[in-house]
Structures are given as structure tokens and as C-alpha cells.
Amino acid sequence: MSEAKRLRMRRMRRNFARAAPHYESSAVLSREVLTRMLERLALTKIAPQAVLDLGSGTRMAARAVAERYPGADILALDISAPMLQQHSEHGPWQRAWRALSGSSRHHRVCADFEHLPLRAERFDLVVSNLALHWSEAASSVFAEVSRVLRTGGLFFFTTFGPDTLKELAQASADASGTTPVHAFMDMHDLGDGLVASGFADPVMEMEQLTLTYERFDDLLRDLGGTGGLSTRSSTGLRTPRWRAQTAQRYERFRHDLRLPATFELIYGHAWKAPARPAADADGVAVIQFHPRRRSM
């Protein structure tokens, strides 16, 4: 692991550990997107026996999947142990999870989803809700998901697109145009990455949601409560000078007495395709046939 990635991982773990106790009270958007993802998942004909919730956080998606597929073996995986250890006490998903959590069929693993410590072809379904953007190597995540999925298994995910927090990106940009807001991947690039990783016919959808705030600090509080703005260093985001300057610039977006925050949401799913035949030196796929021996 490079030193840059080691520092990035350490920063992410610190930010998520700080956010963990209050994450679900700030995760209004994540909860809404999860609901929409599950509505799409309900349209697929699948009865998984083993499910991986990738970038699980406080296990909101894992709890919902446990309710939808009560017989499934469910693994919640996240880079932050404090997030995985959260125990919410209220709501139907939480009650369902508490009822099921005593079973050995429900597990938690703290790990990097670019390097899954899981055996190949273990899962029938992998879900991921608003977590992929925390990786700077989506192709590595897709390759790992393909490895742990059985052939014919389903990968269902949501993530953010390039227009996410565009108002904040403009308001916080310095003279060179650099902003602390994350550079999110385009929907088409995600689709291409899925195909390159062994998935067939990915289906990609995009929509925009806009949350509004009375004060700029309310927006920053929600972002901080769910892990921050990006994987980049955020030291400057905590200075009073940065807040004051960015808040002043953000005011030009105020409409009907509210400050908007745009989120471009991407919904994607694809099935793991059978392995392709190996190609010869001329790039021609070679299929080996082994004739049966006739018994005497």
C-alpha cells in the first residue's frame, strides 16, 4: 500500500469514527436513496442465499436486506469498525436486525473494499449504498466484487455523480479552480468499468435530488455527520476563515430563503457474466473440446 493511500485510509477511519455515533441522524439522503435502491431491487427475480453489503457503515442496507431476505446469510463490510458497531434502538429495520442478529447467519467485517478478505464466488448478491465514491480506484472495487460473486450473481449499487454538491464546489473553489469537494465518477465510466470487470449488460440510471438548508453551517454539519466532503485532506474546512469565505460565496445560490445542495444520484446493477474463453496470440477466442471416450 502506498503512503498516500495509507494516509487517506487513516483520515477516512478517523472521520468515520467521529461521525459514527450520530451518523444515522444525519444520513437523511442515504436513507432515502437506500429506499429507492430497494424499490429497484424488488423488480429483480432473485432469492439470494448469501449477501454482501459493501461499505455498510451503520448497516442500514444490511438491516433492510435482512428484512427482505430473512433466510440469507448477510455480511456487512466497512472500513470503519466504530460505524459497524453502532446499535440503533428504534424503527422497523432496527427491530428486525435485533431479532436476527443473534443468528450466526449475520456477520460484520472491518476491511478495505478494494481488497476483500473473502473467498471467491461466495455471494449471490452484493449491494452498496452511497459508498463507492470513497474509493479512488473503482475498477479495483468492481474487480473484487466480480471475484466474490458467483457466476450469475447480481451487483446492485448507488453512488454519486459529477454534479453532486456543485454549488459547494463552485463556492469553495480557489483561484486555480481547485475545490475540496470530491471528483465523482461519470455514470458512463462506471458502466464501462463494470463491463471491464466481467459484468454483463449493466443498467445505469441517474436522477438529481436537491436538499435545502437555512444556513450554510447546517449543510456542513450534515456532510461532517456522514463522513465529510471527500477522501482528501479536510484540515482547511475547519478554519473559520474558510467557512466565512465559502458561506459568503454560497449565498448567491439562495432561492426562496433556502440554500440548495444538489446531489446527482446514480443507480446501477449488473449480473456477473460467465468467464470469457481465452484468446490466442491473434486475439481469437479458443474453446477447448474434450471428446468422450467410447466405452468398450
C-alpha atoms as a PDB file:
ATOM      1  CA  MET A   1       0.000   0.000   0.000  1.00  0.00           C
ATOM      2  CA  SER A   2       1.378   3.422  -0.941  1.00  0.00           C
ATOM      3  CA  GLU A   3       1.997   6.059   1.701  1.00  0.00           C
ATOM      4  CA  ALA A   4      -0.628   8.327   0.091  1.00  0.00           C
ATOM      5  CA  LYS A   5      -3.268   5.622   0.347  1.00  0.00           C
ATOM      6  CA  ARG A   6      -2.243   4.782   3.915  1.00  0.00           C
ATOM      7  CA  LEU A   7      -2.757   8.417   4.922  1.00  0.00           C
ATOM      8  CA  ARG A   8      -6.075   8.580   3.071  1.00  0.00           C
ATOM      9  CA  MET A   9      -7.329   5.426   4.800  1.00  0.00           C
ATOM     10  CA  ARG A  10      -6.256   6.736   8.195  1.00  0.00           C
ATOM     11  CA  ARG A  11      -8.076  10.020   7.547  1.00  0.00           C
ATOM     12  CA  MET A  12     -11.236   8.218   6.450  1.00  0.00           C
ATOM     13  CA  ARG A  13     -11.229   5.968   9.516  1.00  0.00           C
ATOM     14  CA  ARG A  14     -10.779   8.985  11.783  1.00  0.00           C
ATOM     15  CA  ASN A  15     -13.597  10.914  10.114  1.00  0.00           C
ATOM     16  CA  PHE A  16     -15.991   7.968  10.217  1.00  0.00           C
ATOM     17  CA  ALA A  17     -15.134   7.157  13.838  1.00  0.00           C
ATOM     18  CA  ARG A  18     -16.015  10.749  14.702  1.00  0.00           C
ATOM     19  CA  ALA A  19     -19.259  10.586  12.708  1.00  0.00           C
ATOM     20  CA  ALA A  20     -20.372   7.123  13.848  1.00  0.00           C
ATOM     21  CA  PRO A  21     -22.390   8.000  16.988  1.00  0.00           C
ATOM     22  CA  HIS A  22     -24.590  10.491  15.102  1.00  0.00           C
ATOM     23  CA  TYR A  23     -24.374   9.115  11.576  1.00  0.00           C
ATOM     24  CA  GLU A  24     -27.942   7.929  11.173  1.00  0.00           C
ATOM     25  CA  SER A  25     -29.424  11.208  12.415  1.00  0.00           C
ATOM     26  CA  SER A  26     -27.519  12.998   9.608  1.00  0.00           C
ATOM     27  CA  ALA A  27     -27.973  10.344   6.914  1.00  0.00           C
ATOM     28  CA  VAL A  28     -31.317  11.576   5.574  1.00  0.00           C
ATOM     29  CA  LEU A  29     -30.139  11.355   1.980  1.00  0.00           C
ATOM     30  CA  SER A  30     -28.551   7.931   2.414  1.00  0.00           C
ATOM     31  CA  ARG A  31     -31.774   6.553   3.894  1.00  0.00           C
ATOM     32  CA  GLU A  32     -33.878   7.972   1.042  1.00  0.00           C
ATOM     33  CA  VAL A  33     -31.529   6.631  -1.646  1.00  0.00           C
ATOM     34  CA  LEU A  34     -31.500   3.226   0.043  1.00  0.00           C
ATOM     35  CA  THR A  35     -35.308   3.141  -0.130  1.00  0.00           C
ATOM     36  CA  ARG A  36     -35.179   3.917  -3.854  1.00  0.00           C
ATOM     37  CA  MET A  37     -32.493   1.302  -4.460  1.00  0.00           C
ATOM     38  CA  LEU A  38     -34.557  -1.363  -2.683  1.00  0.00           C
ATOM     39  CA  GLU A  39     -37.577  -0.489  -4.821  1.00  0.00           C
ATOM     40  CA  ARG A  40     -35.474  -1.208  -7.901  1.00  0.00           C
ATOM     41  CA  LEU A  41     -34.035  -4.365  -6.372  1.00  0.00           C
ATOM     42  CA  ALA A  42     -37.583  -5.630  -5.726  1.00  0.00           C
ATOM     43  CA  LEU A  43     -38.143  -5.720  -9.505  1.00  0.00           C
ATOM     44  CA  THR A  44     -35.454  -8.368  -9.981  1.00  0.00           C
ATOM     45  CA  LYS A  45     -36.146 -12.082  -9.585  1.00  0.00           C
ATOM     46  CA  ILE A  46     -33.528 -13.160  -7.084  1.00  0.00           C
ATOM     47  CA  ALA A  47     -33.573 -15.232  -3.903  1.00  0.00           C
ATOM     48  CA  PRO A  48     -30.031 -14.875  -2.563  1.00  0.00           C
ATOM     49  CA  GLN A  49     -28.595 -17.250  -0.018  1.00  0.00           C
ATOM     50  CA  ALA A  50     -25.530 -15.077   0.676  1.00  0.00           C
ATOM     51  CA  VAL A  51     -25.449 -11.262   0.534  1.00  0.00           C
ATOM     52  CA  LEU A  52     -22.589  -8.786   0.953  1.00  0.00           C
ATOM     53  CA  ASP A  53     -23.315  -5.190   1.990  1.00  0.00           C
ATOM     54  CA  LEU A  54     -20.268  -3.315   0.713  1.00  0.00           C
ATOM     55  CA  GLY A  55     -19.364  -0.097   2.543  1.00  0.00           C
ATOM     56  CA  SER A  56     -22.085  -0.901   5.042  1.00  0.00           C
ATOM     57  CA  GLY A  57     -21.497   1.940   7.518  1.00  0.00           C
ATOM     58  CA  THR A  58     -24.003   1.513  10.345  1.00  0.00           C
ATOM     59  CA  ARG A  59     -25.556  -1.423   8.454  1.00  0.00           C
ATOM     60  CA  MET A  60     -28.687   0.367   7.248  1.00  0.00           C
ATOM     61  CA  ALA A  61     -28.650  -1.566   3.968  1.00  0.00           C
ATOM     62  CA  ALA A  62     -27.770  -4.836   5.722  1.00  0.00           C
ATOM     63  CA  ARG A  63     -30.749  -4.469   8.054  1.00  0.00           C
ATOM     64  CA  ALA A  64     -33.079  -3.743   5.144  1.00  0.00           C
ATOM     65  CA  VAL A  65     -31.770  -6.727   3.185  1.00  0.00           C
ATOM     66  CA  ALA A  66     -32.177  -8.930   6.280  1.00  0.00           C
ATOM     67  CA  GLU A  67     -35.833  -7.968   6.353  1.00  0.00           C
ATOM     68  CA  ARG A  68     -36.317  -8.589   2.625  1.00  0.00           C
ATOM     69  CA  TYR A  69     -34.394 -11.898   2.542  1.00  0.00           C
ATOM     70  CA  PRO A  70     -34.780 -13.340   6.069  1.00  0.00           C
ATOM     71  CA  GLY A  71     -33.145 -16.659   5.146  1.00  0.00           C
ATOM     72  CA  ALA A  72     -29.990 -15.162   3.670  1.00  0.00           C
ATOM     73  CA  ASP A  73     -26.504 -15.197   5.117  1.00  0.00           C
ATOM     74  CA  ILE A  74     -25.642 -11.466   5.325  1.00  0.00           C
ATOM     75  CA  LEU A  75     -22.195  -9.940   5.700  1.00  0.00           C
ATOM     76  CA  ALA A  76     -21.821  -6.213   6.468  1.00  0.00           C
ATOM     77  CA  LEU A  77     -18.364  -4.909   5.480  1.00  0.00           C
ATOM     78  CA  ASP A  78     -16.969  -1.450   6.140  1.00  0.00           C
ATOM     79  CA  ILE A  79     -13.615   0.235   6.630  1.00  0.00           C
ATOM     80  CA  SER A  80     -14.747   1.740   9.963  1.00  0.00           C
ATOM     81  CA  ALA A  81     -15.178  -0.534  12.986  1.00  0.00           C
ATOM     82  CA  PRO A  82     -16.993   2.171  15.020  1.00  0.00           C
ATOM     83  CA  MET A  83     -19.572   2.506  12.228  1.00  0.00           C
ATOM     84  CA  LEU A  84     -20.196  -1.248  12.156  1.00  0.00           C
ATOM     85  CA  GLN A  85     -20.540  -1.338  15.935  1.00  0.00           C
ATOM     86  CA  GLN A  86     -23.382   1.147  16.115  1.00  0.00           C
ATOM     87  CA  HIS A  87     -26.645  -0.190  17.579  1.00  0.00           C
ATOM     88  CA  SER A  88     -29.729   1.875  16.835  1.00  0.00           C
ATOM     89  CA  GLU A  89     -32.711   1.252  19.062  1.00  0.00           C
ATOM     90  CA  HIS A  90     -35.693   2.459  17.085  1.00  0.00           C
ATOM     91  CA  GLY A  91     -37.516   1.769  13.815  1.00  0.00           C
ATOM     92  CA  PRO A  92     -38.682  -1.368  11.976  1.00  0.00           C
ATOM     93  CA  TRP A  93     -35.316  -2.108  10.313  1.00  0.00           C
ATOM     94  CA  GLN A  94     -33.548  -1.868  13.660  1.00  0.00           C
ATOM     95  CA  ARG A  95     -36.069  -4.149  15.352  1.00  0.00           C
ATOM     96  CA  ALA A  96     -35.742  -6.663  12.515  1.00  0.00           C
ATOM     97  CA  TRP A  97     -31.959  -6.568  12.791  1.00  0.00           C
ATOM     98  CA  ARG A  98     -32.027  -7.068  16.570  1.00  0.00           C
ATOM     99  CA  ALA A  99     -34.341 -10.039  16.114  1.00  0.00           C
ATOM    100  CA  LEU A 100     -31.956 -11.601  13.595  1.00  0.00           C
ATOM    101  CA  SER A 101     -28.566 -10.529  14.917  1.00  0.00           C
ATOM    102  CA  GLY A 102     -28.329 -13.437  17.326  1.00  0.00           C
ATOM    103  CA  SER A 103     -28.086 -15.786  14.364  1.00  0.00           C
ATOM    104  CA  SER A 104     -24.717 -16.919  13.064  1.00  0.00           C
ATOM    105  CA  ARG A 105     -26.007 -16.055   9.574  1.00  0.00           C
ATOM    106  CA  HIS A 106     -25.315 -12.330  10.136  1.00  0.00           C
ATOM    107  CA  HIS A 107     -21.748 -11.056  10.292  1.00  0.00           C
ATOM    108  CA  ARG A 108     -19.637  -7.886  10.330  1.00  0.00           C
ATOM    109  CA  VAL A 109     -16.156  -7.449   8.884  1.00  0.00           C
ATOM    110  CA  CYS A 110     -13.930  -4.361   9.061  1.00  0.00           C
ATOM    111  CA  ALA A 111     -11.943  -4.263   5.807  1.00  0.00           C
ATOM    112  CA  ASP A 112     -10.972  -2.255   2.744  1.00  0.00           C
ATOM    113  CA  PHE A 113     -13.382  -2.959  -0.102  1.00  0.00           C
ATOM    114  CA  GLU A 114     -10.597  -2.606  -2.661  1.00  0.00           C
ATOM    115  CA  HIS A 115      -9.025  -5.757  -1.106  1.00  0.00           C
ATOM    116  CA  LEU A 116     -11.784  -8.004   0.195  1.00  0.00           C
ATOM    117  CA  PRO A 117     -10.623 -10.686   2.674  1.00  0.00           C
ATOM    118  CA  LEU A 118     -13.284 -13.036   1.301  1.00  0.00           C
ATOM    119  CA  ARG A 119     -13.150 -16.208  -0.744  1.00  0.00           C
ATOM    120  CA  ALA A 120     -14.115 -16.177  -4.394  1.00  0.00           C
ATOM    121  CA  GLU A 121     -17.648 -16.891  -5.590  1.00  0.00           C
ATOM    122  CA  ARG A 122     -19.151 -16.707  -2.113  1.00  0.00           C
ATOM    123  CA  PHE A 123     -22.133 -14.376  -2.702  1.00  0.00           C
ATOM    124  CA  ASP A 124     -25.292 -14.324  -4.793  1.00  0.00           C
ATOM    125  CA  LEU A 125     -25.922 -10.604  -4.243  1.00  0.00           C
ATOM    126  CA  VAL A 126     -23.679  -7.631  -3.449  1.00  0.00           C
ATOM    127  CA  VAL A 127     -25.293  -4.303  -2.526  1.00  0.00           C
ATOM    128  CA  SER A 128     -23.595  -0.974  -1.909  1.00  0.00           C
ATOM    129  CA  ASN A 129     -25.378   2.239  -0.952  1.00  0.00           C
ATOM    130  CA  LEU A 130     -23.517   5.542  -1.463  1.00  0.00           C
ATOM    131  CA  ALA A 131     -20.106   4.068  -0.680  1.00  0.00           C
ATOM    132  CA  LEU A 132     -18.217   3.628  -3.972  1.00  0.00           C
ATOM    133  CA  HIS A 133     -17.121   7.264  -4.128  1.00  0.00           C
ATOM    134  CA  TRP A 134     -14.914   6.694  -1.068  1.00  0.00           C
ATOM    135  CA  SER A 135     -12.630   4.607  -3.260  1.00  0.00           C
ATOM    136  CA  GLU A 136     -10.221   6.275  -5.657  1.00  0.00           C
ATOM    137  CA  ALA A 137      -9.970   3.022  -7.634  1.00  0.00           C
ATOM    138  CA  ALA A 138     -13.494   1.984  -8.605  1.00  0.00           C
ATOM    139  CA  SER A 139     -12.043  -0.536 -11.052  1.00  0.00           C
ATOM    140  CA  SER A 140     -10.405  -2.353  -8.129  1.00  0.00           C
ATOM    141  CA  VAL A 141     -13.712  -2.453  -6.257  1.00  0.00           C
ATOM    142  CA  PHE A 142     -15.545  -3.800  -9.316  1.00  0.00           C
ATOM    143  CA  ALA A 143     -12.874  -6.470  -9.831  1.00  0.00           C
ATOM    144  CA  GLU A 144     -13.191  -7.560  -6.197  1.00  0.00           C
ATOM    145  CA  VAL A 145     -16.989  -7.635  -6.363  1.00  0.00           C
ATOM    146  CA  SER A 146     -16.766  -9.763  -9.518  1.00  0.00           C
ATOM    147  CA  ARG A 147     -14.350 -12.121  -7.774  1.00  0.00           C
ATOM    148  CA  VAL A 148     -16.570 -12.744  -4.720  1.00  0.00           C
ATOM    149  CA  LEU A 149     -19.811 -13.041  -6.725  1.00  0.00           C
ATOM    150  CA  ARG A 150     -20.912 -16.377  -8.102  1.00  0.00           C
ATOM    151  CA  THR A 151     -21.480 -16.539 -11.856  1.00  0.00           C
ATOM    152  CA  GLY A 152     -24.952 -15.143 -12.457  1.00  0.00           C
ATOM    153  CA  GLY A 153     -24.800 -13.165  -9.199  1.00  0.00           C
ATOM    154  CA  LEU A 154     -26.113  -9.621  -9.006  1.00  0.00           C
ATOM    155  CA  PHE A 155     -24.306  -6.391  -8.076  1.00  0.00           C
ATOM    156  CA  PHE A 156     -26.675  -3.564  -7.106  1.00  0.00           C
ATOM    157  CA  PHE A 157     -25.314  -0.169  -6.064  1.00  0.00           C
ATOM    158  CA  THR A 158     -25.863   3.546  -5.735  1.00  0.00           C
ATOM    159  CA  THR A 159     -23.260   6.285  -5.815  1.00  0.00           C
ATOM    160  CA  PHE A 160     -22.849   9.992  -6.519  1.00  0.00           C
ATOM    161  CA  GLY A 161     -22.341  11.541  -9.972  1.00  0.00           C
ATOM    162  CA  PRO A 162     -20.259  14.576 -11.064  1.00  0.00           C
ATOM    163  CA  ASP A 163     -22.920  17.236 -10.347  1.00  0.00           C
ATOM    164  CA  THR A 164     -23.053  16.306  -6.664  1.00  0.00           C
ATOM    165  CA  LEU A 165     -22.500  19.362  -4.432  1.00  0.00           C
ATOM    166  CA  LYS A 166     -21.881  21.514  -7.487  1.00  0.00           C
ATOM    167  CA  GLU A 167     -22.906  24.656  -5.573  1.00  0.00           C
ATOM    168  CA  LEU A 168     -20.376  23.923  -2.843  1.00  0.00           C
ATOM    169  CA  ALA A 169     -17.698  23.095  -5.410  1.00  0.00           C
ATOM    170  CA  GLN A 170     -18.174  26.497  -7.056  1.00  0.00           C
ATOM    171  CA  ALA A 171     -18.367  28.418  -3.797  1.00  0.00           C
ATOM    172  CA  SER A 172     -15.257  26.781  -2.347  1.00  0.00           C
ATOM    173  CA  ALA A 173     -13.009  26.814  -5.431  1.00  0.00           C
ATOM    174  CA  ASP A 174      -9.770  28.762  -5.111  1.00  0.00           C
ATOM    175  CA  ALA A 175      -8.182  30.938  -7.801  1.00  0.00           C
ATOM    176  CA  SER A 176      -6.902  27.858  -9.669  1.00  0.00           C
ATOM    177  CA  GLY A 177     -10.335  26.200  -9.593  1.00  0.00           C
ATOM    178  CA  THR A 178      -9.319  23.597  -7.008  1.00  0.00           C
ATOM    179  CA  THR A 179     -12.045  22.575  -4.570  1.00  0.00           C
ATOM    180  CA  PRO A 180     -12.114  20.193  -1.599  1.00  0.00           C
ATOM    181  CA  VAL A 181     -15.298  18.618  -2.961  1.00  0.00           C
ATOM    182  CA  HIS A 182     -14.798  15.088  -4.257  1.00  0.00           C
ATOM    183  CA  ALA A 183     -14.430  14.478  -8.010  1.00  0.00           C
ATOM    184  CA  PHE A 184     -17.224  11.950  -8.597  1.00  0.00           C
ATOM    185  CA  MET A 185     -17.203   9.459 -11.485  1.00  0.00           C
ATOM    186  CA  ASP A 186     -19.461   9.766 -14.508  1.00  0.00           C
ATOM    187  CA  MET A 187     -22.233   7.200 -14.982  1.00  0.00           C
ATOM    188  CA  HIS A 188     -20.847   6.031 -18.324  1.00  0.00           C
ATOM    189  CA  ASP A 189     -17.375   5.467 -16.885  1.00  0.00           C
ATOM    190  CA  LEU A 190     -18.910   3.345 -14.138  1.00  0.00           C
ATOM    191  CA  GLY A 191     -20.750   1.276 -16.733  1.00  0.00           C
ATOM    192  CA  ASP A 192     -17.575   0.750 -18.747  1.00  0.00           C
ATOM    193  CA  GLY A 193     -15.767  -0.280 -15.554  1.00  0.00           C
ATOM    194  CA  LEU A 194     -18.389  -2.900 -14.804  1.00  0.00           C
ATOM    195  CA  VAL A 195     -18.072  -4.463 -18.262  1.00  0.00           C
ATOM    196  CA  ALA A 196     -14.270  -4.498 -17.995  1.00  0.00           C
ATOM    197  CA  SER A 197     -14.581  -6.329 -14.660  1.00  0.00           C
ATOM    198  CA  GLY A 198     -16.680  -9.176 -16.020  1.00  0.00           C
ATOM    199  CA  PHE A 199     -20.245  -7.901 -15.647  1.00  0.00           C
ATOM    200  CA  ALA A 200     -22.848  -8.198 -18.374  1.00  0.00           C
ATOM    201  CA  ASP A 201     -25.231  -5.549 -19.702  1.00  0.00           C
ATOM    202  CA  PRO A 202     -25.043  -3.022 -16.856  1.00  0.00           C
ATOM    203  CA  VAL A 203     -28.153  -0.924 -16.305  1.00  0.00           C
ATOM    204  CA  MET A 204     -27.434   2.650 -15.196  1.00  0.00           C
ATOM    205  CA  GLU A 205     -29.907   5.326 -14.108  1.00  0.00           C
ATOM    206  CA  MET A 206     -29.396   8.888 -12.934  1.00  0.00           C
ATOM    207  CA  GLU A 207     -31.544  11.399 -11.082  1.00  0.00           C
ATOM    208  CA  GLN A 208     -30.966  14.603  -9.159  1.00  0.00           C
ATOM    209  CA  LEU A 209     -32.196  15.428  -5.679  1.00  0.00           C
ATOM    210  CA  THR A 210     -31.847  18.814  -4.045  1.00  0.00           C
ATOM    211  CA  LEU A 211     -31.733  19.286  -0.295  1.00  0.00           C
ATOM    212  CA  THR A 212     -32.199  22.813   1.057  1.00  0.00           C
ATOM    213  CA  TYR A 213     -30.801  24.447   4.148  1.00  0.00           C
ATOM    214  CA  GLU A 214     -31.484  27.615   6.061  1.00  0.00           C
ATOM    215  CA  ARG A 215     -27.807  28.135   6.923  1.00  0.00           C
ATOM    216  CA  PHE A 216     -24.520  27.132   5.324  1.00  0.00           C
ATOM    217  CA  ASP A 217     -23.336  25.638   8.614  1.00  0.00           C
ATOM    218  CA  ASP A 218     -26.313  23.266   8.556  1.00  0.00           C
ATOM    219  CA  LEU A 219     -25.070  21.820   5.260  1.00  0.00           C
ATOM    220  CA  LEU A 220     -21.543  21.394   6.612  1.00  0.00           C
ATOM    221  CA  ARG A 221     -22.904  19.731   9.739  1.00  0.00           C
ATOM    222  CA  ASP A 222     -24.787  17.141   7.666  1.00  0.00           C
ATOM    223  CA  LEU A 223     -21.737  16.484   5.497  1.00  0.00           C
ATOM    224  CA  GLY A 224     -19.485  16.140   8.525  1.00  0.00           C
ATOM    225  CA  GLY A 225     -22.008  13.845  10.173  1.00  0.00           C
ATOM    226  CA  THR A 226     -21.794  11.409   7.266  1.00  0.00           C
ATOM    227  CA  GLY A 227     -18.010  11.371   6.869  1.00  0.00           C
ATOM    228  CA  GLY A 228     -17.066  14.653   5.218  1.00  0.00           C
ATOM    229  CA  LEU A 229     -16.757  16.071   1.717  1.00  0.00           C
ATOM    230  CA  SER A 230     -14.228  13.739   0.160  1.00  0.00           C
ATOM    231  CA  THR A 231     -11.234  11.475   0.673  1.00  0.00           C
ATOM    232  CA  ARG A 232      -8.929  14.482   0.506  1.00  0.00           C
ATOM    233  CA  SER A 233      -7.409  16.317   3.436  1.00  0.00           C
ATOM    234  CA  SER A 234     -10.037  18.438   5.168  1.00  0.00           C
ATOM    235  CA  THR A 235      -7.923  20.479   7.576  1.00  0.00           C
ATOM    236  CA  GLY A 236      -8.783  23.726   5.825  1.00  0.00           C
ATOM    237  CA  LEU A 237     -12.503  23.017   6.003  1.00  0.00           C
ATOM    238  CA  ARG A 238     -12.476  23.508   9.756  1.00  0.00           C
ATOM    239  CA  THR A 239     -10.989  27.006   9.738  1.00  0.00           C
ATOM    240  CA  PRO A 240     -13.307  29.940  10.485  1.00  0.00           C
ATOM    241  CA  ARG A 241     -11.828  31.854   7.535  1.00  0.00           C
ATOM    242  CA  TRP A 242     -12.687  29.059   5.049  1.00  0.00           C
ATOM    243  CA  ARG A 243     -16.209  28.769   6.394  1.00  0.00           C
ATOM    244  CA  ALA A 244     -16.822  32.512   6.264  1.00  0.00           C
ATOM    245  CA  GLN A 245     -15.495  32.926   2.726  1.00  0.00           C
ATOM    246  CA  THR A 246     -17.343  29.907   1.354  1.00  0.00           C
ATOM    247  CA  ALA A 247     -20.575  30.817   3.143  1.00  0.00           C
ATOM    248  CA  GLN A 248     -20.467  34.283   1.610  1.00  0.00           C
ATOM    249  CA  ARG A 249     -19.961  32.894  -1.906  1.00  0.00           C
ATOM    250  CA  TYR A 250     -22.653  30.262  -1.396  1.00  0.00           C
ATOM    251  CA  GLU A 251     -25.257  32.966  -0.766  1.00  0.00           C
ATOM    252  CA  ARG A 252     -25.584  33.622  -4.499  1.00  0.00           C
ATOM    253  CA  PHE A 253     -27.395  30.293  -4.799  1.00  0.00           C
ATOM    254  CA  ARG A 254     -30.037  31.141  -2.183  1.00  0.00           C
ATOM    255  CA  HIS A 255     -33.573  30.754  -3.523  1.00  0.00           C
ATOM    256  CA  ASP A 256     -36.851  31.184  -1.650  1.00  0.00           C
ATOM    257  CA  LEU A 257     -34.848  31.893   1.500  1.00  0.00           C
ATOM    258  CA  ARG A 258     -33.092  28.481   1.308  1.00  0.00           C
ATOM    259  CA  LEU A 259     -29.635  27.306   0.234  1.00  0.00           C
ATOM    260  CA  PRO A 260     -29.747  24.380  -2.237  1.00  0.00           C
ATOM    261  CA  ALA A 261     -27.382  21.393  -2.269  1.00  0.00           C
ATOM    262  CA  THR A 262     -27.616  19.276  -5.427  1.00  0.00           C
ATOM    263  CA  PHE A 263     -26.904  15.554  -5.395  1.00  0.00           C
ATOM    264  CA  GLU A 264     -26.582  13.595  -8.632  1.00  0.00           C
ATOM    265  CA  LEU A 265     -27.560  10.023  -7.805  1.00  0.00           C
ATOM    266  CA  ILE A 266     -26.512   7.037  -9.876  1.00  0.00           C
ATOM    267  CA  TYR A 267     -28.253   3.671  -9.603  1.00  0.00           C
ATOM    268  CA  GLY A 268     -26.524   0.735 -11.226  1.00  0.00           C
ATOM    269  CA  HIS A 269     -26.839  -3.011 -11.425  1.00  0.00           C
ATOM    270  CA  ALA A 270     -25.271  -5.787 -13.450  1.00  0.00           C
ATOM    271  CA  TRP A 271     -25.001  -9.572 -13.436  1.00  0.00           C
ATOM    272  CA  LYS A 272     -21.698 -11.409 -13.270  1.00  0.00           C
ATOM    273  CA  ALA A 273     -21.145 -12.998 -16.657  1.00  0.00           C
ATOM    274  CA  PRO A 274     -19.555 -16.406 -17.264  1.00  0.00           C
ATOM    275  CA  ALA A 275     -15.805 -16.295 -17.818  1.00  0.00           C
ATOM    276  CA  ARG A 276     -14.828 -15.467 -21.391  1.00  0.00           C
ATOM    277  CA  PRO A 277     -12.885 -18.048 -23.411  1.00  0.00           C
ATOM    278  CA  ALA A 278      -9.133 -17.439 -23.506  1.00  0.00           C
ATOM    279  CA  ALA A 279      -7.787 -15.826 -26.698  1.00  0.00           C
ATOM    280  CA  ASP A 280      -4.803 -16.989 -28.735  1.00  0.00           C
ATOM    281  CA  ALA A 281      -1.956 -14.758 -29.947  1.00  0.00           C
ATOM    282  CA  ASP A 282      -4.138 -13.422 -32.777  1.00  0.00           C
ATOM    283  CA  GLY A 283      -6.902 -12.412 -30.370  1.00  0.00           C
ATOM    284  CA  VAL A 284      -9.194 -15.265 -31.431  1.00  0.00           C
ATOM    285  CA  ALA A 285     -11.158 -16.936 -28.629  1.00  0.00           C
ATOM    286  CA  VAL A 286     -10.233 -20.587 -28.320  1.00  0.00           C
ATOM    287  CA  ILE A 287     -12.766 -23.072 -26.968  1.00  0.00           C
ATOM    288  CA  GLN A 288     -11.393 -26.448 -25.974  1.00  0.00           C
ATOM    289  CA  PHE A 289     -13.479 -29.552 -26.713  1.00  0.00           C
ATOM    290  CA  HIS A 290     -12.627 -32.799 -24.969  1.00  0.00           C
ATOM    291  CA  PRO A 291     -14.181 -35.778 -26.830  1.00  0.00           C
ATOM    292  CA  ARG A 292     -15.736 -38.541 -24.829  1.00  0.00           C
ATOM    293  CA  ARG A 293     -14.059 -41.886 -24.831  1.00  0.00           C
ATOM    294  CA  ARG A 294     -16.330 -44.615 -26.048  1.00  0.00           C
ATOM    295  CA  SER A 295     -16.527 -47.437 -23.568  1.00  0.00           C
ATOM    296  CA  MET A 296     -15.806 -50.898 -24.915  1.00  0.00           C
END
